């Protein structure tokens, strides 16, 4: 269940609200008892918008946290498997 703050309460509790949102809680802001806005973490916002990490960035992160040998691959095995071909012909 989302935590609820009136806009007046939110003004005086903004650091707490940001910490709660960052921790994964959804925060509802109300005006006269009616929910008018939601505060969520940047991670949740990106997920909802469908923002995806580019493959190259995800792969670099993977390599920085895992050793290819741990999953049975020699270093450079994935790079060696890429073809140097230009790809298929496309007629426009």
PDB file of N, CA and C in Angstrom:
ATOM      1  N   UNK A   1       0.842  -1.177   0.000  1.00  0.00           N
ATOM      2  CA  UNK A   1       0.000   0.000   0.000  1.00  0.00           C
ATOM      3  C   UNK A   1       0.890   1.244   0.000  1.00  0.00           C
ATOM      4  N   UNK A   2       0.524   2.210  -0.781  1.00  0.00           N
ATOM      5  CA  UNK A   2       1.301   3.437  -0.890  1.00  0.00           C
ATOM      6  C   UNK A   2       1.121   4.289   0.367  1.00  0.00           C
ATOM      7  N   UNK A   3       2.199   4.961   0.742  1.00  0.00           N
ATOM      8  CA  UNK A   3       2.098   5.944   1.822  1.00  0.00           C
ATOM      9  C   UNK A   3       1.448   7.187   1.260  1.00  0.00           C
ATOM     10  N   UNK A   4       0.722   7.904   2.086  1.00  0.00           N
ATOM     11  CA  UNK A   4       0.013   9.103   1.621  1.00  0.00           C
ATOM     12  C   UNK A   4       0.463  10.316   2.427  1.00  0.00           C
ATOM     13  N   UNK A   5       0.685  11.390   1.710  1.00  0.00           N
ATOM     14  CA  UNK A   5       1.004  12.672   2.334  1.00  0.00           C
ATOM     15  C   UNK A   5       0.152  13.737   1.669  1.00  0.00           C
ATOM     16  N   UNK A   6      -0.333  14.668   2.461  1.00  0.00           N
ATOM     17  CA  UNK A   6      -0.958  15.840   1.853  1.00  0.00           C
ATOM     18  C   UNK A   6       0.169  16.682   1.253  1.00  0.00           C
ATOM     19  N   UNK A   7      -0.174  17.567   0.364  1.00  0.00           N
ATOM     20  CA  UNK A   7       0.852  18.411  -0.248  1.00  0.00           C
ATOM     21  C   UNK A   7       1.542  19.258   0.818  1.00  0.00           C
ATOM     22  N   UNK A   8       0.789  19.729   1.797  1.00  0.00           N
ATOM     23  CA  UNK A   8       1.385  20.513   2.888  1.00  0.00           C
ATOM     24  C   UNK A   8       2.387  19.669   3.672  1.00  0.00           C
ATOM     25  N   UNK A   9       2.017  18.415   3.980  1.00  0.00           N
ATOM     26  CA  UNK A   9       2.947  17.518   4.683  1.00  0.00           C
ATOM     27  C   UNK A   9       4.165  17.222   3.817  1.00  0.00           C
ATOM     28  N   UNK A  10       3.942  17.057   2.531  1.00  0.00           N
ATOM     29  CA  UNK A  10       5.042  16.732   1.619  1.00  0.00           C
ATOM     30  C   UNK A  10       6.080  17.845   1.592  1.00  0.00           C
ATOM     31  N   UNK A  11       5.626  19.083   1.660  1.00  0.00           N
ATOM     32  CA  UNK A  11       6.566  20.215   1.658  1.00  0.00           C
ATOM     33  C   UNK A  11       7.542  20.116   2.823  1.00  0.00           C
ATOM     34  N   UNK A  12       7.043  19.763   3.982  1.00  0.00           N
ATOM     35  CA  UNK A  12       7.916  19.725   5.160  1.00  0.00           C
ATOM     36  C   UNK A  12       8.634  18.389   5.330  1.00  0.00           C
ATOM     37  N   UNK A  13       8.249  17.370   4.556  1.00  0.00           N
ATOM     38  CA  UNK A  13       8.864  16.042   4.690  1.00  0.00           C
ATOM     39  C   UNK A  13       9.548  15.567   3.415  1.00  0.00           C
ATOM     40  N   UNK A  14       9.922  16.488   2.541  1.00  0.00           N
ATOM     41  CA  UNK A  14      10.464  16.084   1.240  1.00  0.00           C
ATOM     42  C   UNK A  14      11.668  15.147   1.352  1.00  0.00           C
ATOM     43  N   UNK A  15      12.664  15.410   2.218  1.00  0.00           N
ATOM     44  CA  UNK A  15      13.794  14.464   2.297  1.00  0.00           C
ATOM     45  C   UNK A  15      13.356  13.044   2.664  1.00  0.00           C
ATOM     46  N   UNK A  16      12.403  12.928   3.583  1.00  0.00           N
ATOM     47  CA  UNK A  16      11.892  11.610   3.980  1.00  0.00           C
ATOM     48  C   UNK A  16      11.170  10.942   2.819  1.00  0.00           C
ATOM     49  N   UNK A  17      10.365  11.715   2.097  1.00  0.00           N
ATOM     50  CA  UNK A  17       9.615  11.173   0.962  1.00  0.00           C
ATOM     51  C   UNK A  17      10.566  10.674  -0.119  1.00  0.00           C
ATOM     52  N   UNK A  18      11.605  11.443  -0.395  1.00  0.00           N
ATOM     53  CA  UNK A  18      12.590  11.025  -1.402  1.00  0.00           C
ATOM     54  C   UNK A  18      13.279   9.742  -0.957  1.00  0.00           C
ATOM     55  N   UNK A  19      13.656   9.653   0.312  1.00  0.00           N
ATOM     56  CA  UNK A  19      14.289   8.427   0.824  1.00  0.00           C
ATOM     57  C   UNK A  19      13.356   7.229   0.685  1.00  0.00           C
ATOM     58  N   UNK A  20      12.085   7.419   0.997  1.00  0.00           N
ATOM     59  CA  UNK A  20      11.121   6.324   0.893  1.00  0.00           C
ATOM     60  C   UNK A  20      10.942   5.889  -0.559  1.00  0.00           C
ATOM     61  N   UNK A  21      10.838   6.850  -1.463  1.00  0.00           N
ATOM     62  CA  UNK A  21      10.691   6.515  -2.884  1.00  0.00           C
ATOM     63  C   UNK A  21      11.932   5.791  -3.384  1.00  0.00           C
ATOM     64  N   UNK A  22      13.094   6.272  -2.979  1.00  0.00           N
ATOM     65  CA  UNK A  22      14.349   5.639  -3.385  1.00  0.00           C
ATOM     66  C   UNK A  22      14.426   4.199  -2.887  1.00  0.00           C
ATOM     67  N   UNK A  23      13.815   3.934  -1.734  1.00  0.00           N
ATOM     68  CA  UNK A  23      13.804   2.587  -1.159  1.00  0.00           C
ATOM     69  C   UNK A  23      12.758   1.691  -1.808  1.00  0.00           C
ATOM     70  N   UNK A  24      11.986   2.241  -2.759  1.00  0.00           N
ATOM     71  CA  UNK A  24      11.030   1.416  -3.492  1.00  0.00           C
ATOM     72  C   UNK A  24       9.577   1.627  -3.119  1.00  0.00           C
ATOM     73  N   UNK A  25       9.309   2.489  -2.152  1.00  0.00           N
ATOM     74  CA  UNK A  25       7.917   2.744  -1.775  1.00  0.00           C
ATOM     75  C   UNK A  25       7.274   3.712  -2.761  1.00  0.00           C
ATOM     76  N   UNK A  26       5.991   3.525  -2.984  1.00  0.00           N
ATOM     77  CA  UNK A  26       5.218   4.482  -3.773  1.00  0.00           C
ATOM     78  C   UNK A  26       4.586   5.465  -2.798  1.00  0.00           C
ATOM     79  N   UNK A  27       4.695   6.738  -3.115  1.00  0.00           N
ATOM     80  CA  UNK A  27       4.176   7.780  -2.239  1.00  0.00           C
ATOM     81  C   UNK A  27       3.076   8.534  -2.978  1.00  0.00           C
ATOM     82  N   UNK A  28       1.883   8.578  -2.397  1.00  0.00           N
ATOM     83  CA  UNK A  28       0.782   9.348  -2.977  1.00  0.00           C
ATOM     84  C   UNK A  28       0.752  10.727  -2.338  1.00  0.00           C
ATOM     85  N   UNK A  29       0.588  11.736  -3.164  1.00  0.00           N
ATOM     86  CA  UNK A  29       0.392  13.096  -2.672  1.00  0.00           C
ATOM     87  C   UNK A  29      -1.076  13.439  -2.864  1.00  0.00           C
ATOM     88  N   UNK A  30      -1.668  14.000  -1.824  1.00  0.00           N
ATOM     89  CA  UNK A  30      -3.100  14.278  -1.871  1.00  0.00           C
ATOM     90  C   UNK A  30      -3.380  15.775  -1.738  1.00  0.00           C
ATOM     91  N   UNK A  31      -4.487  16.165  -2.326  1.00  0.00           N
ATOM     92  CA  UNK A  31      -5.007  17.530  -2.169  1.00  0.00           C
ATOM     93  C   UNK A  31      -6.453  17.384  -1.714  1.00  0.00           C
ATOM     94  N   UNK A  32      -6.731  17.898  -0.532  1.00  0.00           N
ATOM     95  CA  UNK A  32      -8.073  17.779   0.059  1.00  0.00           C
ATOM     96  C   UNK A  32      -8.551  16.328   0.105  1.00  0.00           C
ATOM     97  N   UNK A  33      -7.617  15.413   0.421  1.00  0.00           N
ATOM     98  CA  UNK A  33      -7.960  14.005   0.582  1.00  0.00           C
ATOM     99  C   UNK A  33      -8.002  13.179  -0.686  1.00  0.00           C
ATOM    100  N   UNK A  34      -7.808  13.819  -1.845  1.00  0.00           N
ATOM    101  CA  UNK A  34      -7.842  13.104  -3.121  1.00  0.00           C
ATOM    102  C   UNK A  34      -6.427  12.976  -3.671  1.00  0.00           C
ATOM    103  N   UNK A  35      -6.048  11.766  -4.056  1.00  0.00           N
ATOM    104  CA  UNK A  35      -4.711  11.545  -4.622  1.00  0.00           C
ATOM    105  C   UNK A  35      -4.581  12.321  -5.928  1.00  0.00           C
ATOM    106  N   UNK A  36      -3.495  13.105  -6.051  1.00  0.00           N
ATOM    107  CA  UNK A  36      -3.286  13.912  -7.257  1.00  0.00           C
ATOM    108  C   UNK A  36      -1.946  13.627  -7.928  1.00  0.00           C
ATOM    109  N   UNK A  37      -1.032  12.965  -7.217  1.00  0.00           N
ATOM    110  CA  UNK A  37       0.287  12.681  -7.792  1.00  0.00           C
ATOM    111  C   UNK A  37       0.908  11.513  -7.045  1.00  0.00           C
ATOM    112  N   UNK A  38       1.923  10.927  -7.677  1.00  0.00           N
ATOM    113  CA  UNK A  38       2.654   9.817  -7.077  1.00  0.00           C
ATOM    114  C   UNK A  38       4.142  10.107  -7.205  1.00  0.00           C
ATOM    115  N   UNK A  39       4.889   9.821  -6.148  1.00  0.00           N
ATOM    116  CA  UNK A  39       6.348   9.933  -6.178  1.00  0.00           C
ATOM    117  C   UNK A  39       6.895   8.514  -6.198  1.00  0.00           C
ATOM    118  N   UNK A  40       7.748   8.228  -7.194  1.00  0.00           N
ATOM    119  CA  UNK A  40       8.372   6.907  -7.319  1.00  0.00           C
ATOM    120  C   UNK A  40       9.866   7.088  -7.550  1.00  0.00           C
ATOM    121  N   UNK A  41      10.614   6.020  -7.398  1.00  0.00           N
ATOM    122  CA  UNK A  41      12.061   6.082  -7.610  1.00  0.00           C
ATOM    123  C   UNK A  41      12.371   6.255  -9.094  1.00  0.00           C
ATOM    124  N   UNK A  42      13.564   6.745  -9.368  1.00  0.00           N
ATOM    125  CA  UNK A  42      13.996   6.904 -10.748  1.00  0.00           C
ATOM    126  C   UNK A  42      14.066   5.548 -11.445  1.00  0.00           C
ATOM    127  N   UNK A  43      14.485   4.522 -10.727  1.00  0.00           N
ATOM    128  CA  UNK A  43      14.552   3.174 -11.306  1.00  0.00           C
ATOM    129  C   UNK A  43      13.169   2.689 -11.743  1.00  0.00           C
ATOM    130  N   UNK A  44      12.170   2.900 -10.894  1.00  0.00           N
ATOM    131  CA  UNK A  44      10.801   2.488 -11.232  1.00  0.00           C
ATOM    132  C   UNK A  44      10.259   3.316 -12.395  1.00  0.00           C
ATOM    133  N   UNK A  45      10.567   4.605 -12.407  1.00  0.00           N
ATOM    134  CA  UNK A  45      10.134   5.475 -13.505  1.00  0.00           C
ATOM    135  C   UNK A  45      10.725   4.996 -14.829  1.00  0.00           C
ATOM    136  N   UNK A  46      12.016   4.672 -14.832  1.00  0.00           N
ATOM    137  CA  UNK A  46      12.658   4.175 -16.056  1.00  0.00           C
ATOM    138  C   UNK A  46      12.028   2.855 -16.494  1.00  0.00           C
ATOM    139  N   UNK A  47      11.725   1.977 -15.525  1.00  0.00           N
ATOM    140  CA  UNK A  47      11.099   0.697 -15.859  1.00  0.00           C
ATOM    141  C   UNK A  47       9.730   0.920 -16.498  1.00  0.00           C
ATOM    142  N   UNK A  48       8.957   1.817 -15.927  1.00  0.00           N
ATOM    143  CA  UNK A  48       7.625   2.088 -16.461  1.00  0.00           C
ATOM    144  C   UNK A  48       7.677   2.725 -17.846  1.00  0.00           C
ATOM    145  N   UNK A  49       8.675   3.538 -18.086  1.00  0.00           N
ATOM    146  CA  UNK A  49       8.815   4.182 -19.393  1.00  0.00           C
ATOM    147  C   UNK A  49       9.396   3.235 -20.426  1.00  0.00           C
ATOM    148  N   UNK A  50       9.898   2.101 -19.986  1.00  0.00           N
ATOM    149  CA  UNK A  50      10.458   1.148 -20.937  1.00  0.00           C
ATOM    150  C   UNK A  50      11.874   1.476 -21.351  1.00  0.00           C
ATOM    151  N   UNK A  51      12.564   2.293 -20.554  1.00  0.00           N
ATOM    152  CA  UNK A  51      13.950   2.636 -20.865  1.00  0.00           C
ATOM    153  C   UNK A  51      14.806   1.402 -20.628  1.00  0.00           C
ATOM    154  N   UNK A  52      15.539   1.029 -21.623  1.00  0.00           N
ATOM    155  CA  UNK A  52      16.371  -0.166 -21.528  1.00  0.00           C
ATOM    156  C   UNK A  52      17.844   0.216 -21.626  1.00  0.00           C
ATOM    157  N   UNK A  53      18.661  -0.513 -20.910  1.00  0.00           N
ATOM    158  CA  UNK A  53      20.099  -0.319 -20.990  1.00  0.00           C
ATOM    159  C   UNK A  53      20.578  -0.854 -22.327  1.00  0.00           C
ATOM    160  N   UNK A  54      21.363  -0.064 -23.070  1.00  0.00           N
ATOM    161  CA  UNK A  54      21.903  -0.580 -24.333  1.00  0.00           C
ATOM    162  C   UNK A  54      22.710  -1.857 -24.089  1.00  0.00           C
ATOM    163  N   UNK A  55      22.676  -2.775 -25.068  1.00  0.00           N
ATOM    164  CA  UNK A  55      23.336  -4.063 -24.896  1.00  0.00           C
ATOM    165  C   UNK A  55      24.808  -3.888 -24.545  1.00  0.00           C
ATOM    166  N   UNK A  56      25.497  -2.999 -25.243  1.00  0.00           N
ATOM    167  CA  UNK A  56      26.927  -2.800 -24.992  1.00  0.00           C
ATOM    168  C   UNK A  56      27.209  -2.423 -23.552  1.00  0.00           C
ATOM    169  N   UNK A  57      26.378  -1.547 -22.989  1.00  0.00           N
ATOM    170  CA  UNK A  57      26.552  -1.144 -21.593  1.00  0.00           C
ATOM    171  C   UNK A  57      26.262  -2.309 -20.649  1.00  0.00           C
ATOM    172  N   UNK A  58      25.212  -3.067 -20.948  1.00  0.00           N
ATOM    173  CA  UNK A  58      24.876  -4.228 -20.116  1.00  0.00           C
ATOM    174  C   UNK A  58      25.989  -5.269 -20.168  1.00  0.00           C
ATOM    175  N   UNK A  59      26.561  -5.467 -21.353  1.00  0.00           N
ATOM    176  CA  UNK A  59      27.643  -6.444 -21.505  1.00  0.00           C
ATOM    177  C   UNK A  59      28.888  -5.995 -20.745  1.00  0.00           C
ATOM    178  N   UNK A  60      29.227  -4.712 -20.833  1.00  0.00           N
ATOM    179  CA  UNK A  60      30.386  -4.198 -20.084  1.00  0.00           C
ATOM    180  C   UNK A  60      30.172  -4.384 -18.586  1.00  0.00           C
ATOM    181  N   UNK A  61      28.954  -4.110 -18.125  1.00  0.00           N
ATOM    182  CA  UNK A  61      28.653  -4.303 -16.707  1.00  0.00           C
ATOM    183  C   UNK A  61      28.781  -5.781 -16.335  1.00  0.00           C
ATOM    184  N   UNK A  62      28.268  -6.662 -17.197  1.00  0.00           N
ATOM    185  CA  UNK A  62      28.374  -8.100 -16.957  1.00  0.00           C
ATOM    186  C   UNK A  62      29.837  -8.513 -16.831  1.00  0.00           C
ATOM    187  N   UNK A  63      30.675  -8.040 -17.768  1.00  0.00           N
ATOM    188  CA  UNK A  63      32.094  -8.401 -17.738  1.00  0.00           C
ATOM    189  C   UNK A  63      32.796  -7.853 -16.499  1.00  0.00           C
ATOM    190  N   UNK A  64      32.332  -6.705 -16.007  1.00  0.00           N
ATOM    191  CA  UNK A  64      32.974  -6.125 -14.826  1.00  0.00           C
ATOM    192  C   UNK A  64      32.597  -6.866 -13.543  1.00  0.00           C
ATOM    193  N   UNK A  65      31.522  -7.645 -13.583  1.00  0.00           N
ATOM    194  CA  UNK A  65      31.073  -8.342 -12.378  1.00  0.00           C
ATOM    195  C   UNK A  65      31.195  -9.865 -12.451  1.00  0.00           C
ATOM    196  N   UNK A  66      31.503 -10.404 -13.640  1.00  0.00           N
ATOM    197  CA  UNK A  66      31.612 -11.850 -13.811  1.00  0.00           C
ATOM    198  C   UNK A  66      32.853 -12.185 -14.630  1.00  0.00           C
ATOM    199  N   UNK A  67      33.435 -13.303 -14.341  1.00  0.00           N
ATOM    200  CA  UNK A  67      34.546 -13.799 -15.151  1.00  0.00           C
ATOM    201  C   UNK A  67      33.986 -14.805 -16.155  1.00  0.00           C
ATOM    202  N   UNK A  68      34.362 -14.648 -17.436  1.00  0.00           N
ATOM    203  CA  UNK A  68      33.851 -15.571 -18.458  1.00  0.00           C
ATOM    204  C   UNK A  68      34.238 -17.013 -18.146  1.00  0.00           C
ATOM    205  N   UNK A  69      35.391 -17.204 -17.538  1.00  0.00           N
ATOM    206  CA  UNK A  69      35.818 -18.550 -17.161  1.00  0.00           C
ATOM    207  C   UNK A  69      34.852 -19.221 -16.199  1.00  0.00           C
ATOM    208  N   UNK A  70      34.164 -18.420 -15.383  1.00  0.00           N
ATOM    209  CA  UNK A  70      33.199 -18.972 -14.424  1.00  0.00           C
ATOM    210  C   UNK A  70      32.009 -19.628 -15.113  1.00  0.00           C
ATOM    211  N   UNK A  71      31.727 -19.218 -16.351  1.00  0.00           N
ATOM    212  CA  UNK A  71      30.608 -19.818 -17.079  1.00  0.00           C
ATOM    213  C   UNK A  71      31.092 -20.684 -18.239  1.00  0.00           C
ATOM    214  N   UNK A  72      32.382 -21.032 -18.211  1.00  0.00           N
ATOM    215  CA  UNK A  72      32.916 -21.966 -19.196  1.00  0.00           C
ATOM    216  C   UNK A  72      33.333 -21.362 -20.519  1.00  0.00           C
ATOM    217  N   UNK A  73      33.576 -20.059 -20.566  1.00  0.00           N
ATOM    218  CA  UNK A  73      34.016 -19.419 -21.807  1.00  0.00           C
ATOM    219  C   UNK A  73      35.431 -18.882 -21.648  1.00  0.00           C
ATOM    220  N   UNK A  74      36.190 -18.995 -22.715  1.00  0.00           N
ATOM    221  CA  UNK A  74      37.525 -18.409 -22.729  1.00  0.00           C
ATOM    222  C   UNK A  74      37.397 -16.909 -22.976  1.00  0.00           C
ATOM    223  N   UNK A  75      38.288 -16.097 -22.395  1.00  0.00           N
ATOM    224  CA  UNK A  75      38.271 -14.667 -22.714  1.00  0.00           C
ATOM    225  C   UNK A  75      38.414 -14.465 -24.224  1.00  0.00           C
ATOM    226  N   UNK A  76      37.607 -13.614 -24.795  1.00  0.00           N
ATOM    227  CA  UNK A  76      37.645 -13.354 -26.232  1.00  0.00           C
ATOM    228  C   UNK A  76      36.790 -14.303 -27.048  1.00  0.00           C
ATOM    229  N   UNK A  77      36.196 -15.311 -26.424  1.00  0.00           N
ATOM    230  CA  UNK A  77      35.398 -16.295 -27.167  1.00  0.00           C
ATOM    231  C   UNK A  77      34.190 -15.649 -27.836  1.00  0.00           C
ATOM    232  N   UNK A  78      33.559 -14.719 -27.156  1.00  0.00           N
ATOM    233  CA  UNK A  78      32.381 -14.077 -27.734  1.00  0.00           C
ATOM    234  C   UNK A  78      32.765 -13.139 -28.873  1.00  0.00           C
ATOM    235  N   UNK A  79      33.856 -12.412 -28.722  1.00  0.00           N
ATOM    236  CA  UNK A  79      34.301 -11.508 -29.786  1.00  0.00           C
ATOM    237  C   UNK A  79      34.717 -12.303 -31.013  1.00  0.00           C
ATOM    238  N   UNK A  80      35.340 -13.460 -30.810  1.00  0.00           N
ATOM    239  CA  UNK A  80      35.794 -14.281 -31.932  1.00  0.00           C
ATOM    240  C   UNK A  80      34.620 -14.889 -32.697  1.00  0.00           C
ATOM    241  N   UNK A  81      33.477 -15.020 -32.061  1.00  0.00           N
ATOM    242  CA  UNK A  81      32.328 -15.640 -32.726  1.00  0.00           C
ATOM    243  C   UNK A  81      31.568 -14.665 -33.626  1.00  0.00           C
ATOM    244  N   UNK A  82      31.884 -13.387 -33.548  1.00  0.00           N
ATOM    245  CA  UNK A  82      31.195 -12.400 -34.397  1.00  0.00           C
ATOM    246  C   UNK A  82      31.719 -12.465 -35.813  1.00  0.00           C
ATOM    247  N   UNK A  83      30.829 -12.377 -36.757  1.00  0.00           N
ATOM    248  CA  UNK A  83      31.205 -12.401 -38.162  1.00  0.00           C
ATOM    249  C   UNK A  83      31.636 -11.006 -38.607  1.00  0.00           C
ATOM    250  N   UNK A  84      32.522 -10.955 -39.564  1.00  0.00           N
ATOM    251  CA  UNK A  84      32.990  -9.671 -40.095  1.00  0.00           C
ATOM    252  C   UNK A  84      32.166  -9.241 -41.308  1.00  0.00           C
ATOM    253  N   UNK A  85      31.195 -10.080 -41.709  1.00  0.00           N
ATOM    254  CA  UNK A  85      30.351  -9.754 -42.858  1.00  0.00           C
ATOM    255  C   UNK A  85      29.565  -8.471 -42.607  1.00  0.00           C
ATOM    256  N   UNK A  86      29.211  -7.815 -43.691  1.00  0.00           N
ATOM    257  CA  UNK A  86      28.440  -6.579 -43.603  1.00  0.00           C
ATOM    258  C   UNK A  86      26.975  -6.848 -43.275  1.00  0.00           C
ATOM    259  N   UNK A  87      26.551  -8.076 -43.354  1.00  0.00           N
ATOM    260  CA  UNK A  87      25.161  -8.406 -43.077  1.00  0.00           C
ATOM    261  C   UNK A  87      24.419  -8.717 -44.363  1.00  0.00           C
ATOM    262  N   UNK A  88      23.135  -8.882 -44.264  1.00  0.00           N
ATOM    263  CA  UNK A  88      22.351  -9.233 -45.446  1.00  0.00           C
ATOM    264  C   UNK A  88      22.117  -8.002 -46.312  1.00  0.00           C
ATOM    265  N   UNK A  89      21.891  -8.253 -47.590  1.00  0.00           N
ATOM    266  CA  UNK A  89      21.601  -7.156 -48.505  1.00  0.00           C
ATOM    267  C   UNK A  89      20.158  -6.722 -48.319  1.00  0.00           C
ATOM    268  N   UNK A  90      19.967  -5.434 -48.342  1.00  0.00           N
ATOM    269  CA  UNK A  90      18.630  -4.872 -48.204  1.00  0.00           C
ATOM    270  C   UNK A  90      18.382  -3.954 -49.384  1.00  0.00           C
ATOM    271  N   UNK A  91      17.279  -4.183 -50.067  1.00  0.00           N
ATOM    272  CA  UNK A  91      16.910  -3.301 -51.166  1.00  0.00           C
ATOM    273  C   UNK A  91      15.886  -2.303 -50.664  1.00  0.00           C
ATOM    274  N   UNK A  92      16.156  -1.045 -50.921  1.00  0.00           N
ATOM    275  CA  UNK A  92      15.235   0.004 -50.473  1.00  0.00           C
ATOM    276  C   UNK A  92      14.395   0.501 -51.617  1.00  0.00           C
TER     277      UNK A  92
END
